[in-house]
Amino acid sequence: MSERYAGKPFLELLDSYVLDAIGHLDAARDAALTAREAEFRQMFGGTGDWRAQVVQRMQFPGGMAGAVRELWEKGAAKFAAAQGHQPDPQEFTRNFVDKNFPH
């Protein structure tokens, strides 16, 4: 676990939700989160899989993952045109979560 998540277990789920929405959540991390779903339900009181628990706790509207993906895709194209390389999905996720969901 990185320092980013020390004392903030829900932040790992939120970051993972964003990474998943933009198509950059690796299979190993997804499997690890899936294996902990019962633990997350107990900690956060939600239902369903870990993604559903994020949606419930954050009270996201329907289509939130699609909106995040659209923002990523549009921003990635602009970033690549300006910088000459693709943006880092991890950096996008940190910036997006920190700006929109202060923790």
C-alpha atoms as a PDB file:
ATOM      1  CA  MET A   1       0.000   0.000   0.000  1.00  0.00           C
ATOM      2  CA  SER A   2       1.365   3.395  -0.885  1.00  0.00           C
ATOM      3  CA  GLU A   3       1.569   6.340   1.494  1.00  0.00           C
ATOM      4  CA  ARG A   4      -1.312   7.888  -0.439  1.00  0.00           C
ATOM      5  CA  TYR A   5      -3.660   5.294   1.032  1.00  0.00           C
ATOM      6  CA  ALA A   6      -2.304   5.230   4.598  1.00  0.00           C
ATOM      7  CA  GLY A   7      -5.305   5.744   6.846  1.00  0.00           C
ATOM      8  CA  LYS A   8      -7.550   6.280   3.797  1.00  0.00           C
ATOM      9  CA  PRO A   9      -8.794   2.884   2.634  1.00  0.00           C
ATOM     10  CA  PHE A  10     -11.654   4.321   0.596  1.00  0.00           C
ATOM     11  CA  LEU A  11      -9.230   6.440  -1.430  1.00  0.00           C
ATOM     12  CA  GLU A  12      -7.765   3.257  -2.934  1.00  0.00           C
ATOM     13  CA  LEU A  13     -11.244   2.285  -4.125  1.00  0.00           C
ATOM     14  CA  LEU A  14     -11.925   5.738  -5.529  1.00  0.00           C
ATOM     15  CA  ASP A  15      -8.617   5.839  -7.412  1.00  0.00           C
ATOM     16  CA  SER A  16      -9.279   2.331  -8.709  1.00  0.00           C
ATOM     17  CA  TYR A  17     -12.762   3.334  -9.869  1.00  0.00           C
ATOM     18  CA  VAL A  18     -11.264   6.179 -11.921  1.00  0.00           C
ATOM     19  CA  LEU A  19      -8.518   3.949 -13.335  1.00  0.00           C
ATOM     20  CA  ASP A  20     -11.160   1.385 -14.263  1.00  0.00           C
ATOM     21  CA  ALA A  21     -13.337   4.059 -15.879  1.00  0.00           C
ATOM     22  CA  ILE A  22     -10.457   5.165 -18.109  1.00  0.00           C
ATOM     23  CA  GLY A  23      -9.493   1.595 -18.977  1.00  0.00           C
ATOM     24  CA  HIS A  24      -6.233   1.473 -17.024  1.00  0.00           C
ATOM     25  CA  LEU A  25      -6.979  -0.654 -13.974  1.00  0.00           C
ATOM     26  CA  ASP A  26      -4.694  -3.652 -14.173  1.00  0.00           C
ATOM     27  CA  ALA A  27      -6.173  -7.116 -13.759  1.00  0.00           C
ATOM     28  CA  ALA A  28      -4.152  -7.919 -10.622  1.00  0.00           C
ATOM     29  CA  ARG A  29      -5.408  -4.834  -8.787  1.00  0.00           C
ATOM     30  CA  ASP A  30      -8.973  -5.523  -9.909  1.00  0.00           C
ATOM     31  CA  ALA A  31      -8.697  -9.106  -8.633  1.00  0.00           C
ATOM     32  CA  ALA A  32      -7.249  -7.931  -5.310  1.00  0.00           C
ATOM     33  CA  LEU A  33     -10.090  -5.455  -4.827  1.00  0.00           C
ATOM     34  CA  THR A  34     -12.673  -8.041  -5.824  1.00  0.00           C
ATOM     35  CA  ALA A  35     -11.242 -10.420  -3.231  1.00  0.00           C
ATOM     36  CA  ARG A  36     -11.728  -7.732  -0.553  1.00  0.00           C
ATOM     37  CA  GLU A  37     -15.319  -6.816  -1.423  1.00  0.00           C
ATOM     38  CA  ALA A  38     -16.808  -8.354   1.741  1.00  0.00           C
ATOM     39  CA  GLU A  39     -14.285  -6.396   3.822  1.00  0.00           C
ATOM     40  CA  PHE A  40     -15.208  -3.186   2.005  1.00  0.00           C
ATOM     41  CA  ARG A  41     -18.930  -3.828   2.535  1.00  0.00           C
ATOM     42  CA  GLN A  42     -18.272  -4.224   6.246  1.00  0.00           C
ATOM     43  CA  MET A  43     -16.093  -1.097   6.431  1.00  0.00           C
ATOM     44  CA  PHE A  44     -18.219   1.199   4.279  1.00  0.00           C
ATOM     45  CA  GLY A  45     -21.694  -0.296   4.582  1.00  0.00           C
ATOM     46  CA  GLY A  46     -22.337  -0.542   0.853  1.00  0.00           C
ATOM     47  CA  THR A  47     -23.665  -3.398  -1.218  1.00  0.00           C
ATOM     48  CA  GLY A  48     -22.525  -5.078  -4.393  1.00  0.00           C
ATOM     49  CA  ASP A  49     -19.066  -5.241  -5.872  1.00  0.00           C
ATOM     50  CA  TRP A  50     -16.353  -2.718  -5.081  1.00  0.00           C
ATOM     51  CA  ARG A  51     -17.371  -0.481  -8.010  1.00  0.00           C
ATOM     52  CA  ALA A  52     -20.975  -0.362  -6.789  1.00  0.00           C
ATOM     53  CA  GLN A  53     -19.728   0.484  -3.316  1.00  0.00           C
ATOM     54  CA  VAL A  54     -17.843   3.497  -4.683  1.00  0.00           C
ATOM     55  CA  VAL A  55     -20.909   4.669  -6.611  1.00  0.00           C
ATOM     56  CA  GLN A  56     -23.095   4.310  -3.507  1.00  0.00           C
ATOM     57  CA  ARG A  57     -20.743   6.011  -1.082  1.00  0.00           C
ATOM     58  CA  MET A  58     -19.947   8.874  -3.441  1.00  0.00           C
ATOM     59  CA  GLN A  59     -23.574   9.122  -4.590  1.00  0.00           C
ATOM     60  CA  PHE A  60     -22.425   9.206  -8.200  1.00  0.00           C
ATOM     61  CA  PRO A  61     -25.112   9.678 -10.819  1.00  0.00           C
ATOM     62  CA  GLY A  62     -25.662   7.024 -13.452  1.00  0.00           C
ATOM     63  CA  GLY A  63     -23.082   7.286 -16.196  1.00  0.00           C
ATOM     64  CA  MET A  64     -20.308   8.650 -13.985  1.00  0.00           C
ATOM     65  CA  ALA A  65     -17.737   6.143 -15.257  1.00  0.00           C
ATOM     66  CA  GLY A  66     -18.574   7.120 -18.840  1.00  0.00           C
ATOM     67  CA  ALA A  67     -18.220  10.813 -18.018  1.00  0.00           C
ATOM     68  CA  VAL A  68     -14.790  10.206 -16.468  1.00  0.00           C
ATOM     69  CA  ARG A  69     -13.737   8.183 -19.518  1.00  0.00           C
ATOM     70  CA  GLU A  70     -14.890  10.961 -21.856  1.00  0.00           C
ATOM     71  CA  LEU A  71     -12.923  13.535 -19.880  1.00  0.00           C
ATOM     72  CA  TRP A  72      -9.835  11.285 -20.040  1.00  0.00           C
ATOM     73  CA  GLU A  73     -10.138  10.671 -23.774  1.00  0.00           C
ATOM     74  CA  LYS A  74     -10.622  14.329 -24.668  1.00  0.00           C
ATOM     75  CA  GLY A  75      -7.887  15.456 -22.309  1.00  0.00           C
ATOM     76  CA  ALA A  76      -5.490  12.730 -23.450  1.00  0.00           C
ATOM     77  CA  ALA A  77      -5.817  13.823 -27.061  1.00  0.00           C
ATOM     78  CA  LYS A  78      -5.101  17.450 -26.163  1.00  0.00           C
ATOM     79  CA  PHE A  79      -2.225  16.442 -23.887  1.00  0.00           C
ATOM     80  CA  ALA A  80      -0.651  14.247 -26.570  1.00  0.00           C
ATOM     81  CA  ALA A  81      -0.944  17.004 -29.169  1.00  0.00           C
ATOM     82  CA  ALA A  82       0.696  19.531 -26.860  1.00  0.00           C
ATOM     83  CA  GLN A  83       3.301  17.301 -25.180  1.00  0.00           C
ATOM     84  CA  GLY A  84       4.092  14.770 -27.884  1.00  0.00           C
ATOM     85  CA  HIS A  85       3.338  11.768 -25.674  1.00  0.00           C
ATOM     86  CA  GLN A  86       0.398  10.144 -23.935  1.00  0.00           C
ATOM     87  CA  PRO A  87      -0.527  11.255 -20.416  1.00  0.00           C
ATOM     88  CA  ASP A  88       0.135   9.000 -17.446  1.00  0.00           C
ATOM     89  CA  PRO A  89      -3.129   7.354 -16.294  1.00  0.00           C
ATOM     90  CA  GLN A  90      -1.923   7.221 -12.680  1.00  0.00           C
ATOM     91  CA  GLU A  91      -1.132  10.932 -12.676  1.00  0.00           C
ATOM     92  CA  PHE A  92      -4.485  11.744 -14.279  1.00  0.00           C
ATOM     93  CA  THR A  93      -6.224   9.674 -11.607  1.00  0.00           C
ATOM     94  CA  ARG A  94      -4.407  11.347  -8.716  1.00  0.00           C
ATOM     95  CA  ASN A  95      -5.076  14.809 -10.106  1.00  0.00           C
ATOM     96  CA  PHE A  96      -8.713  14.071 -10.939  1.00  0.00           C
ATOM     97  CA  VAL A  97      -9.508  12.580  -7.546  1.00  0.00           C
ATOM     98  CA  ASP A  98      -7.573  15.196  -5.570  1.00  0.00           C
ATOM     99  CA  LYS A  99      -9.216  18.080  -7.425  1.00  0.00           C
ATOM    100  CA  ASN A 100     -12.779  16.768  -7.472  1.00  0.00           C
ATOM    101  CA  PHE A 101     -12.967  14.760  -4.250  1.00  0.00           C
ATOM    102  CA  PRO A 102     -10.721  16.309  -1.581  1.00  0.00           C
ATOM    103  CA  HIS A 103      -9.773  13.783   1.053  1.00  0.00           C
END
